[in-house]
């Protein structure tokens, strides 16, 4: 397994995380030139991705969860800019399809896990099942469960399933990093209004997002429970301040770089037979 990078935004593993104490604004010095820092980190990530692909022993899974308008899409674009597109894949999870509802709640994300040598990115994820579904438990009625779930236990049971799957993946070479982009309610309002005021951003605005905003406190409780239950050394959560986008993107990039550097990625070492074949090829090419 890899070493989870230390960070002031690392969600502790002992269940003590409090959403009310998590800042949505930068709480550390440094990264004054956040865009420049992110650009350098992107170059480092590009190099590490090549080693990841060549070694073909590990995969990387990046999970992004947040309230609407926190900046998931822009962060994914910014952090992965310049990385070989053939080496990564991005999946966005929205309302489940009828096919997905014919399977257990982990099926649709399990089908899209990254292969060895690749970086997989989940824009929303299996955690929607303990976030939006927890806030709106009526959704459970459409999930074709064999019996009516007990609302007192179903969330802990689902979190346990997620936690067990993540540990299994980590033991088999998947580097899992999870980011909660922590935007404030006030900043979200500003971004919604910006989408309404700017014609070029109208397409981003959905009236239902304002409806979901009414459940803000319920979502915060659901996030707190989910992060506490599933932040572990092999699959850590980072509660990244999201009110300042360049800072947020720089911090996300930094965590990814530190994690990959600790994972022991290496180019494959040629075998004796390979070296003999290389020598023969060189001789032929030089003739």
Protein backbone atom coordinates (compact mmCIF):
# COMPACT_ATOMS: atom_id res chain seq x y z
CA UNK A 1 0.00 0.00 0.00
CA UNK A 2 1.01 3.66 -0.24
CA UNK A 3 1.52 6.20 2.54
CA UNK A 4 -1.39 8.62 2.80
CA UNK A 5 0.15 12.10 2.44
CA UNK A 6 0.00 14.21 5.58
CA UNK A 7 -2.02 17.37 5.19
CA UNK A 8 -3.92 19.80 7.41
CA UNK A 9 -6.94 18.69 5.39
CA UNK A 10 -6.54 14.94 5.95
CA UNK A 11 -9.68 13.57 7.59
CA UNK A 12 -8.54 11.67 10.71
CA UNK A 13 -9.10 7.93 10.93
CA UNK A 14 -10.58 7.93 14.44
CA UNK A 15 -14.04 9.28 13.65
CA UNK A 16 -13.38 12.71 15.16
CA UNK A 17 -13.93 14.78 12.01
CA UNK A 18 -16.42 17.65 12.37
CA UNK A 19 -17.83 19.39 9.32
CA UNK A 20 -18.46 22.47 11.45
CA UNK A 21 -14.71 22.73 12.10
CA UNK A 22 -13.65 22.18 8.48
CA UNK A 23 -12.82 25.47 6.82
CA UNK A 24 -13.91 26.27 3.28
CA UNK A 25 -11.13 28.89 2.98
CA UNK A 26 -7.34 28.30 2.94
CA UNK A 27 -5.96 27.64 6.41
CA UNK A 28 -2.28 27.26 5.53
CA UNK A 29 0.42 29.53 4.25
CA UNK A 30 2.18 28.90 0.99
CA UNK A 31 0.90 28.39 -2.50
CA UNK A 32 0.68 32.16 -2.95
CA UNK A 33 1.17 31.48 -6.63
CA UNK A 34 -1.25 28.57 -6.65
CA UNK A 35 -1.62 28.38 -10.42
CA UNK A 36 2.17 28.17 -10.90
CA UNK A 37 2.39 25.54 -8.18
CA UNK A 38 -0.36 23.49 -9.83
CA UNK A 39 1.37 23.72 -13.22
CA UNK A 40 4.58 22.32 -11.72
CA UNK A 41 2.62 19.57 -9.99
CA UNK A 42 0.93 18.69 -13.27
CA UNK A 43 4.35 18.18 -14.84
CA UNK A 44 5.32 15.87 -11.98
CA UNK A 45 2.06 13.98 -12.33
CA UNK A 46 2.69 13.51 -16.05
CA UNK A 47 6.04 11.87 -15.29
CA UNK A 48 4.57 9.65 -12.58
CA UNK A 49 1.75 8.58 -14.85
CA UNK A 50 4.27 7.27 -17.38
CA UNK A 51 5.93 5.16 -14.70
CA UNK A 52 2.50 3.96 -13.52
CA UNK A 53 1.60 2.85 -17.05
CA UNK A 54 4.96 1.22 -17.72
CA UNK A 55 5.01 -0.67 -14.43
CA UNK A 56 1.45 -1.94 -14.89
CA UNK A 57 1.27 -3.05 -11.24
CA UNK A 58 -0.83 -0.32 -9.65
CA UNK A 59 -3.92 1.66 -10.52
CA UNK A 60 -5.05 5.00 -9.14
CA UNK A 61 -8.59 5.93 -8.15
CA UNK A 62 -9.44 9.57 -7.48
CA UNK A 63 -12.88 10.23 -5.99
CA UNK A 64 -14.40 13.72 -5.97
CA UNK A 65 -17.48 14.53 -3.91
CA UNK A 66 -18.95 17.95 -3.20
CA UNK A 67 -22.02 20.09 -3.10
CA UNK A 68 -23.09 21.62 -6.41
CA UNK A 69 -20.84 24.42 -7.76
CA UNK A 70 -17.89 23.42 -5.57
CA UNK A 71 -15.65 22.97 -8.60
CA UNK A 72 -15.35 19.23 -9.22
CA UNK A 73 -15.26 19.51 -13.02
CA UNK A 74 -12.82 22.42 -13.10
CA UNK A 75 -10.53 20.74 -10.58
CA UNK A 76 -10.41 17.53 -12.61
CA UNK A 77 -9.62 19.53 -15.76
CA UNK A 78 -6.95 21.62 -14.04
CA UNK A 79 -5.16 18.82 -12.20
CA UNK A 80 -5.18 16.38 -15.12
CA UNK A 81 -4.27 18.97 -17.73
CA UNK A 82 -1.39 17.71 -19.85
CA UNK A 83 -1.62 14.13 -18.60
CA UNK A 84 -1.77 11.50 -21.34
CA UNK A 85 -5.51 11.01 -21.96
CA UNK A 86 -4.96 7.38 -22.91
CA UNK A 87 -3.76 6.74 -19.38
CA UNK A 88 -6.80 8.01 -17.50
CA UNK A 89 -10.56 7.76 -17.56
CA UNK A 90 -13.25 9.98 -16.03
CA UNK A 91 -16.73 8.84 -15.07
CA UNK A 92 -19.54 11.05 -13.81
CA UNK A 93 -22.27 9.34 -11.83
CA UNK A 94 -25.74 10.82 -11.84
CA UNK A 95 -29.19 9.25 -11.59
CA UNK A 96 -28.85 5.45 -11.89
CA UNK A 97 -30.09 3.82 -15.08
CA UNK A 98 -32.57 0.94 -15.11
CA UNK A 99 -29.66 -1.44 -15.77
CA UNK A 100 -27.76 -0.11 -12.77
CA UNK A 101 -30.84 -0.45 -10.57
CA UNK A 102 -30.94 -4.15 -11.48
CA UNK A 103 -27.70 -4.61 -9.52
CA UNK A 104 -26.41 -3.86 -6.03
CA UNK A 105 -25.47 -0.26 -5.25
CA UNK A 106 -21.73 -0.82 -5.76
CA UNK A 107 -22.07 -2.41 -9.20
CA UNK A 108 -22.05 0.66 -11.42
CA UNK A 109 -18.85 2.08 -9.91
CA UNK A 110 -17.16 -1.32 -9.66
CA UNK A 111 -17.63 -1.76 -13.42
CA UNK A 112 -15.66 1.44 -13.98
CA UNK A 113 -12.70 0.87 -11.70
CA UNK A 114 -9.35 1.66 -13.38
CA UNK A 115 -7.19 -1.09 -14.81
CA UNK A 116 -3.61 -1.53 -13.64
CA UNK A 117 -1.43 1.19 -15.07
CA UNK A 118 -4.27 3.72 -15.36
CA UNK A 119 -5.77 6.60 -13.41
CA UNK A 120 -9.52 6.45 -12.82
CA UNK A 121 -11.48 9.51 -11.76
CA UNK A 122 -14.95 9.41 -10.26
CA UNK A 123 -16.93 12.65 -10.44
CA UNK A 124 -19.38 11.66 -7.72
CA UNK A 125 -19.30 7.98 -6.88
CA UNK A 126 -20.73 5.14 -4.81
CA UNK A 127 -20.81 7.66 -1.97
CA UNK A 128 -23.97 9.14 -3.49
CA UNK A 129 -25.70 6.11 -1.96
CA UNK A 130 -24.93 7.38 1.54
CA UNK A 131 -25.27 11.08 0.72
CA UNK A 132 -28.13 12.03 -1.60
CA UNK A 133 -29.99 8.77 -0.85
CA UNK A 134 -29.57 9.35 2.88
CA UNK A 135 -30.92 12.88 2.54
CA UNK A 136 -33.77 11.59 0.35
CA UNK A 137 -34.44 8.03 1.63
CA UNK A 138 -37.52 7.71 -0.57
CA UNK A 139 -35.06 6.90 -3.37
CA UNK A 140 -34.59 3.50 -1.73
CA UNK A 141 -38.08 2.56 -2.88
CA UNK A 142 -36.85 2.54 -6.49
CA UNK A 143 -33.77 0.41 -5.87
CA UNK A 144 -35.52 -2.98 -6.08
CA UNK A 145 -34.19 -4.12 -2.72
CA UNK A 146 -35.42 -7.55 -1.58
CA UNK A 147 -36.99 -6.04 1.53
CA UNK A 148 -37.61 -2.61 2.98
CA UNK A 149 -34.34 -1.39 4.55
CA UNK A 150 -34.11 -0.35 8.17
CA UNK A 151 -33.26 3.36 8.10
CA UNK A 152 -31.54 2.98 11.46
CA UNK A 153 -28.95 0.56 10.08
CA UNK A 154 -28.85 0.75 6.27
CA UNK A 155 -26.37 3.65 6.09
CA UNK A 156 -23.85 2.02 8.41
CA UNK A 157 -24.23 -1.21 6.43
CA UNK A 158 -23.57 0.56 3.14
CA UNK A 159 -20.60 2.44 4.57
CA UNK A 160 -19.18 -0.86 5.80
CA UNK A 161 -19.53 -2.34 2.30
CA UNK A 162 -17.73 0.65 0.79
CA UNK A 163 -14.99 0.48 3.41
CA UNK A 164 -14.43 -3.24 2.86
CA UNK A 165 -14.29 -2.85 -0.91
CA UNK A 166 -11.76 -0.02 -0.66
CA UNK A 167 -9.51 -2.08 1.61
CA UNK A 168 -9.70 -4.98 -0.85
CA UNK A 169 -8.78 -2.72 -3.75
CA UNK A 170 -5.88 -1.15 -1.83
CA UNK A 171 -4.47 -4.58 -0.96
CA UNK A 172 -4.50 -5.39 -4.65
CA UNK A 173 -2.59 -2.33 -5.81
CA UNK A 174 -5.12 0.49 -6.15
CA UNK A 175 -4.03 3.86 -4.76
CA UNK A 176 -7.28 5.44 -3.52
CA UNK A 177 -7.53 9.17 -2.81
CA UNK A 178 -10.84 10.83 -1.97
CA UNK A 179 -11.49 14.56 -2.01
CA UNK A 180 -14.41 16.38 -0.45
CA UNK A 181 -14.32 19.86 -1.98
CA UNK A 182 -15.66 21.91 0.90
CA UNK A 183 -17.48 24.94 -0.49
CA UNK A 184 -19.35 27.29 1.84
CA UNK A 185 -23.06 27.90 1.46
CA UNK A 186 -22.39 31.60 0.81
CA UNK A 187 -19.84 30.87 -1.92
CA UNK A 188 -22.21 28.40 -3.53
CA UNK A 189 -24.86 31.12 -3.69
CA UNK A 190 -22.40 33.47 -5.40
CA UNK A 191 -21.55 30.83 -8.00
CA UNK A 192 -25.20 30.04 -8.66
CA UNK A 193 -25.94 33.74 -9.18
CA UNK A 194 -22.92 34.01 -11.49
CA UNK A 195 -24.35 31.19 -13.60
CA UNK A 196 -27.64 33.06 -13.84
CA UNK A 197 -26.05 36.42 -14.61
CA UNK A 198 -23.63 35.21 -17.29
CA UNK A 199 -25.35 33.93 -20.44
CA UNK A 200 -22.34 31.77 -21.22
CA UNK A 201 -22.80 29.99 -17.90
CA UNK A 202 -26.57 29.53 -18.06
CA UNK A 203 -26.12 25.99 -19.28
CA UNK A 204 -24.47 25.08 -15.97
CA UNK A 205 -27.47 26.14 -13.91
CA UNK A 206 -30.17 23.68 -12.91
CA UNK A 207 -33.14 24.82 -10.80
CA UNK A 208 -33.06 21.54 -8.88
CA UNK A 209 -29.68 22.55 -7.46
CA UNK A 210 -31.38 25.35 -5.57
CA UNK A 211 -33.93 22.86 -4.26
CA UNK A 212 -31.11 20.63 -2.97
CA UNK A 213 -29.58 23.67 -1.27
CA UNK A 214 -32.56 23.66 1.11
CA UNK A 215 -31.20 20.40 2.54
CA UNK A 216 -27.73 21.82 3.24
CA UNK A 217 -27.62 20.85 6.92
CA UNK A 218 -28.80 17.31 6.14
CA UNK A 219 -26.06 16.96 3.54
CA UNK A 220 -23.43 18.18 5.99
CA UNK A 221 -24.52 15.54 8.50
CA UNK A 222 -24.37 12.87 5.80
CA UNK A 223 -20.89 13.98 4.71
CA UNK A 224 -19.63 13.96 8.28
CA UNK A 225 -20.87 10.41 8.83
CA UNK A 226 -19.48 9.15 5.51
CA UNK A 227 -16.03 10.72 5.90
CA UNK A 228 -15.65 9.50 9.47
CA UNK A 229 -16.70 5.96 8.56
CA UNK A 230 -14.44 5.59 5.51
CA UNK A 231 -11.32 7.72 5.91
CA UNK A 232 -8.60 5.13 6.40
CA UNK A 233 -4.82 5.02 5.72
CA UNK A 234 -5.43 2.97 2.56
CA UNK A 235 -8.30 5.18 1.34
CA UNK A 236 -8.00 8.62 2.96
CA UNK A 237 -10.39 11.52 2.64
CA UNK A 238 -9.16 15.10 2.28
CA UNK A 239 -11.55 17.95 3.13
CA UNK A 240 -10.12 20.56 0.77
CA UNK A 241 -11.24 24.22 1.11
CA UNK A 242 -13.12 25.03 -2.10
CA UNK A 243 -13.95 28.73 -1.86
CA UNK A 244 -10.62 29.59 -3.53
CA UNK A 245 -10.41 27.46 -6.68
CA UNK A 246 -6.72 27.92 -7.58
CA UNK A 247 -5.71 27.07 -4.01
CA UNK A 248 -8.04 24.05 -3.98
CA UNK A 249 -6.64 22.74 -7.24
CA UNK A 250 -3.05 23.17 -6.07
CA UNK A 251 -3.74 21.27 -2.84
CA UNK A 252 -5.45 18.41 -4.68
CA UNK A 253 -2.56 18.13 -7.14
CA UNK A 254 -0.04 18.14 -4.28
CA UNK A 255 -1.77 15.29 -2.45
CA UNK A 256 -1.90 13.15 -5.60
CA UNK A 257 1.80 13.72 -6.32
CA UNK A 258 2.84 12.90 -2.74
CA UNK A 259 0.75 9.72 -2.74
CA UNK A 260 2.17 8.41 -6.02
CA UNK A 261 5.71 9.20 -4.95
CA UNK A 262 5.19 7.05 -1.84
CA UNK A 263 3.70 4.11 -3.78
CA UNK A 264 7.06 2.81 -5.00
CA UNK A 265 6.29 3.16 -8.70
CA UNK A 266 9.15 1.97 -10.90
CA UNK A 267 9.85 1.30 -14.54
CA UNK A 268 10.03 -2.47 -15.14
CA UNK A 269 13.55 -3.89 -14.99
CA UNK A 270 14.52 -5.80 -18.17
CA UNK A 271 15.21 -9.50 -17.63
CA UNK A 272 18.40 -11.24 -18.79
CA UNK A 273 16.49 -12.52 -21.81
CA UNK A 274 15.28 -9.00 -22.58
CA UNK A 275 18.83 -7.67 -22.45
CA UNK A 276 20.01 -10.36 -24.84
CA UNK A 277 17.20 -9.47 -27.22
CA UNK A 278 18.06 -5.78 -26.90
CA UNK A 279 21.71 -6.50 -27.72
CA UNK A 280 20.73 -8.55 -30.77
CA UNK A 281 18.36 -5.80 -31.94
CA UNK A 282 21.05 -3.16 -31.49
CA UNK A 283 23.55 -5.23 -33.47
CA UNK A 284 21.08 -5.70 -36.31
CA UNK A 285 20.09 -2.01 -36.37
CA UNK A 286 23.75 -0.98 -36.35
CA UNK A 287 24.72 -3.30 -39.17
